[in-house]
Amino acid sequence: MIDSLIESFTNNLIAEDRYMMILEGLQVTLLITLWAAVFGTLLGGVICWMRMNHRALTVDKRRRDWPWALHSGRRSSALCCHR
C-alpha cells in the first residue's frame, strides 16, 4: 500500500513535472494576495482620509435628508470621535 502511494506520488508529481503547475499556482496566489493587500491598504487610507477630513462635504445645504452630510461644519458623533 505504501509502495503504491509512493509510486503514484512519483508518477504524478515528479516524473511528469506537475509540481511546476503547483508552483505556478502558488505564485499566482501570492501575487493576488499582494495586490489585494496593497489595494485594501490604499482604499482604507482613502476612506480614513475622507472621514478624518475637517472640511464639510460639498453638498446642497438645502437638502437636510442626507444623514452623512456635514452641515455648517458640525460633525456627528457617528462620523468622528473628536469633540
N, C-alpha and C. Protein backbone atom coordinates (compact mmCIF):
# COMPACT_ATOMS: atom_id res chain seq x y z
N MET A 1 0.82 -1.20 0.00
CA MET A 1 0.00 0.00 0.00
C MET A 1 0.86 1.26 0.00
N ILE A 2 1.87 1.29 0.84
CA ILE A 2 2.78 2.44 0.90
C ILE A 2 3.55 2.56 -0.41
N ASP A 3 3.94 1.41 -0.97
CA ASP A 3 4.69 1.44 -2.23
C ASP A 3 3.85 2.02 -3.36
N SER A 4 2.56 1.68 -3.41
CA SER A 4 1.70 2.22 -4.47
C SER A 4 1.49 3.72 -4.28
N LEU A 5 1.42 4.18 -3.04
CA LEU A 5 1.29 5.60 -2.76
C LEU A 5 2.55 6.36 -3.19
N ILE A 6 3.70 5.81 -2.90
CA ILE A 6 4.96 6.45 -3.30
C ILE A 6 5.08 6.46 -4.82
N GLU A 7 4.72 5.35 -5.46
CA GLU A 7 4.79 5.28 -6.92
C GLU A 7 3.81 6.27 -7.57
N SER A 8 2.62 6.39 -7.03
CA SER A 8 1.64 7.33 -7.55
C SER A 8 2.14 8.77 -7.38
N PHE A 9 2.70 9.09 -6.22
CA PHE A 9 3.25 10.42 -5.98
C PHE A 9 4.37 10.73 -6.96
N THR A 10 5.26 9.77 -7.16
CA THR A 10 6.39 9.97 -8.07
C THR A 10 5.91 10.14 -9.50
N ASN A 11 4.98 9.32 -9.94
CA ASN A 11 4.50 9.40 -11.32
C ASN A 11 3.73 10.70 -11.57
N ASN A 12 2.93 11.12 -10.64
CA ASN A 12 2.07 12.28 -10.87
C ASN A 12 2.76 13.62 -10.67
N LEU A 13 3.66 13.70 -9.73
CA LEU A 13 4.27 15.00 -9.44
C LEU A 13 5.70 15.13 -9.95
N ILE A 14 6.48 14.11 -9.81
CA ILE A 14 7.90 14.23 -10.13
C ILE A 14 8.17 13.91 -11.60
N ALA A 15 7.70 12.76 -12.06
CA ALA A 15 8.04 12.30 -13.41
C ALA A 15 7.45 13.18 -14.50
N GLU A 16 6.24 13.70 -14.29
CA GLU A 16 5.59 14.48 -15.33
C GLU A 16 5.70 15.98 -15.09
N ASP A 17 6.55 16.38 -14.18
CA ASP A 17 6.79 17.80 -13.86
C ASP A 17 5.51 18.55 -13.49
N ARG A 18 4.60 17.87 -12.85
CA ARG A 18 3.37 18.54 -12.43
C ARG A 18 3.59 19.43 -11.22
N TYR A 19 4.69 19.24 -10.55
CA TYR A 19 4.99 20.13 -9.43
C TYR A 19 5.16 21.56 -9.90
N MET A 20 5.53 21.74 -11.18
CA MET A 20 5.67 23.09 -11.73
C MET A 20 4.31 23.79 -11.77
N MET A 21 3.25 23.03 -12.05
CA MET A 21 1.91 23.61 -12.04
C MET A 21 1.55 24.08 -10.64
N ILE A 22 1.92 23.31 -9.64
CA ILE A 22 1.64 23.69 -8.26
C ILE A 22 2.42 24.95 -7.89
N LEU A 23 3.68 25.02 -8.31
CA LEU A 23 4.48 26.21 -8.02
C LEU A 23 3.95 27.45 -8.74
N GLU A 24 3.49 27.28 -9.99
CA GLU A 24 2.92 28.40 -10.73
C GLU A 24 1.62 28.87 -10.07
N GLY A 25 0.81 27.93 -9.61
CA GLY A 25 -0.41 28.29 -8.90
C GLY A 25 -0.13 29.02 -7.60
N LEU A 26 0.91 28.60 -6.90
CA LEU A 26 1.32 29.27 -5.68
C LEU A 26 1.80 30.69 -5.98
N GLN A 27 2.51 30.85 -7.07
CA GLN A 27 2.99 32.17 -7.47
C GLN A 27 1.81 33.10 -7.77
N VAL A 28 0.82 32.60 -8.50
CA VAL A 28 -0.36 33.41 -8.80
C VAL A 28 -1.12 33.77 -7.53
N THR A 29 -1.23 32.81 -6.62
CA THR A 29 -1.92 33.06 -5.35
C THR A 29 -1.22 34.14 -4.55
N LEU A 30 0.09 34.08 -4.47
CA LEU A 30 0.84 35.09 -3.73
C LEU A 30 0.75 36.46 -4.39
N LEU A 31 0.73 36.50 -5.72
CA LEU A 31 0.60 37.76 -6.44
C LEU A 31 -0.77 38.39 -6.19
N ILE A 32 -1.82 37.59 -6.23
CA ILE A 32 -3.16 38.10 -5.94
C ILE A 32 -3.25 38.60 -4.51
N THR A 33 -2.63 37.87 -3.58
CA THR A 33 -2.63 38.28 -2.17
C THR A 33 -1.92 39.60 -1.98
N LEU A 34 -0.79 39.77 -2.64
CA LEU A 34 -0.03 41.01 -2.53
C LEU A 34 -0.83 42.19 -3.06
N TRP A 35 -1.42 42.06 -4.25
CA TRP A 35 -2.19 43.15 -4.84
C TRP A 35 -3.45 43.45 -4.03
N ALA A 36 -4.07 42.42 -3.45
CA ALA A 36 -5.24 42.65 -2.60
C ALA A 36 -4.86 43.43 -1.35
N ALA A 37 -3.71 43.12 -0.78
CA ALA A 37 -3.24 43.85 0.40
C ALA A 37 -2.93 45.30 0.06
N VAL A 38 -2.27 45.54 -1.07
CA VAL A 38 -1.96 46.91 -1.49
C VAL A 38 -3.24 47.68 -1.75
N PHE A 39 -4.16 47.09 -2.51
CA PHE A 39 -5.41 47.76 -2.83
C PHE A 39 -6.23 48.03 -1.57
N GLY A 40 -6.30 47.06 -0.67
CA GLY A 40 -7.04 47.25 0.58
C GLY A 40 -6.44 48.33 1.45
N THR A 41 -5.12 48.41 1.50
CA THR A 41 -4.46 49.45 2.28
C THR A 41 -4.73 50.83 1.69
N LEU A 42 -4.64 50.94 0.37
CA LEU A 42 -4.92 52.23 -0.27
C LEU A 42 -6.37 52.64 -0.09
N LEU A 43 -7.29 51.71 -0.27
CA LEU A 43 -8.70 52.01 -0.10
C LEU A 43 -9.00 52.40 1.34
N GLY A 44 -8.42 51.69 2.29
CA GLY A 44 -8.60 52.04 3.70
C GLY A 44 -8.03 53.41 4.02
N GLY A 45 -6.89 53.74 3.43
CA GLY A 45 -6.30 55.06 3.64
C GLY A 45 -7.17 56.17 3.09
N VAL A 46 -7.74 55.95 1.91
CA VAL A 46 -8.62 56.97 1.31
C VAL A 46 -9.88 57.14 2.16
N ILE A 47 -10.46 56.05 2.61
CA ILE A 47 -11.67 56.14 3.44
C ILE A 47 -11.34 56.83 4.76
N CYS A 48 -10.21 56.50 5.35
CA CYS A 48 -9.80 57.16 6.60
C CYS A 48 -9.59 58.65 6.38
N TRP A 49 -8.93 59.01 5.30
CA TRP A 49 -8.70 60.42 4.98
C TRP A 49 -10.02 61.15 4.79
N MET A 50 -10.97 60.51 4.12
CA MET A 50 -12.26 61.13 3.89
C MET A 50 -13.01 61.35 5.21
N ARG A 51 -12.92 60.38 6.11
CA ARG A 51 -13.64 60.51 7.38
C ARG A 51 -12.96 61.48 8.33
N MET A 52 -11.65 61.60 8.24
CA MET A 52 -10.92 62.49 9.14
C MET A 52 -10.79 63.91 8.59
N ASN A 53 -11.22 64.13 7.37
CA ASN A 53 -11.12 65.44 6.74
C ASN A 53 -11.99 66.43 7.52
N HIS A 54 -11.49 67.60 7.84
CA HIS A 54 -12.21 68.54 8.68
C HIS A 54 -13.09 69.49 7.89
N ARG A 55 -13.01 69.46 6.59
CA ARG A 55 -13.89 70.32 5.79
C ARG A 55 -15.26 69.67 5.67
N ALA A 56 -16.29 70.50 5.59
CA ALA A 56 -17.64 69.99 5.39
C ALA A 56 -17.76 69.45 3.97
N LEU A 57 -18.59 68.45 3.82
CA LEU A 57 -18.81 67.90 2.49
C LEU A 57 -19.50 68.94 1.63
N THR A 58 -19.17 68.97 0.36
CA THR A 58 -19.79 69.93 -0.53
C THR A 58 -21.07 69.32 -1.08
N VAL A 59 -22.15 69.54 -0.38
CA VAL A 59 -23.47 69.09 -0.82
C VAL A 59 -24.41 70.28 -0.74
N ASP A 60 -25.54 70.14 -1.36
CA ASP A 60 -26.54 71.19 -1.32
C ASP A 60 -27.06 71.30 0.11
N LYS A 61 -26.82 72.43 0.75
CA LYS A 61 -27.16 72.58 2.17
C LYS A 61 -28.66 72.67 2.38
N ARG A 62 -29.42 72.86 1.31
CA ARG A 62 -30.88 72.87 1.47
C ARG A 62 -31.42 71.46 1.66
N ARG A 63 -30.68 70.47 1.21
CA ARG A 63 -31.13 69.08 1.39
C ARG A 63 -30.62 68.58 2.72
N ARG A 64 -31.47 68.50 3.69
CA ARG A 64 -31.08 68.05 5.03
C ARG A 64 -31.42 66.58 5.25
N ASP A 65 -31.81 65.86 4.21
CA ASP A 65 -32.21 64.47 4.39
C ASP A 65 -31.03 63.51 4.29
N TRP A 66 -29.86 64.00 4.01
CA TRP A 66 -28.69 63.13 3.96
C TRP A 66 -28.09 63.07 5.35
N PRO A 67 -28.14 61.94 6.03
CA PRO A 67 -27.60 61.89 7.39
C PRO A 67 -26.08 62.02 7.43
N TRP A 68 -25.41 61.73 6.33
CA TRP A 68 -23.95 61.81 6.34
C TRP A 68 -23.44 63.19 5.92
N ALA A 69 -24.34 64.07 5.51
CA ALA A 69 -23.93 65.41 5.10
C ALA A 69 -23.55 66.21 6.34
N LEU A 70 -22.42 66.86 6.28
CA LEU A 70 -21.94 67.63 7.42
C LEU A 70 -22.32 69.09 7.19
N HIS A 71 -23.45 69.50 7.74
CA HIS A 71 -23.95 70.85 7.52
C HIS A 71 -23.32 71.82 8.50
N SER A 72 -23.02 72.96 8.01
CA SER A 72 -22.48 74.09 8.77
C SER A 72 -21.28 73.69 9.64
N GLY A 73 -20.46 72.77 9.13
CA GLY A 73 -19.23 72.44 9.80
C GLY A 73 -19.37 71.57 11.03
N ARG A 74 -20.58 71.21 11.43
CA ARG A 74 -20.78 70.36 12.61
C ARG A 74 -20.56 68.91 12.23
N ARG A 75 -19.97 68.18 13.12
CA ARG A 75 -19.72 66.76 12.87
C ARG A 75 -20.59 65.94 13.80
N SER A 76 -21.14 64.90 13.25
CA SER A 76 -21.92 63.98 14.04
C SER A 76 -20.97 63.07 14.82
N SER A 77 -21.40 62.59 15.97
CA SER A 77 -20.53 61.70 16.75
C SER A 77 -20.32 60.37 16.04
N ALA A 78 -21.20 60.01 15.11
CA ALA A 78 -21.04 58.77 14.37
C ALA A 78 -19.91 58.87 13.36
N LEU A 79 -19.63 60.08 12.90
CA LEU A 79 -18.60 60.24 11.87
C LEU A 79 -17.22 60.52 12.43
N CYS A 80 -17.17 61.10 13.59
CA CYS A 80 -15.87 61.50 14.13
C CYS A 80 -15.88 61.36 15.64
N CYS A 81 -14.78 60.93 16.17
CA CYS A 81 -14.70 60.77 17.62
C CYS A 81 -14.14 62.00 18.32
N HIS A 82 -13.77 63.05 17.58
CA HIS A 82 -13.23 64.26 18.19
C HIS A 82 -14.37 65.11 18.71
N ARG A 83 -14.14 65.81 19.76
CA ARG A 83 -15.16 66.73 20.30
C ARG A 83 -14.57 68.11 20.43
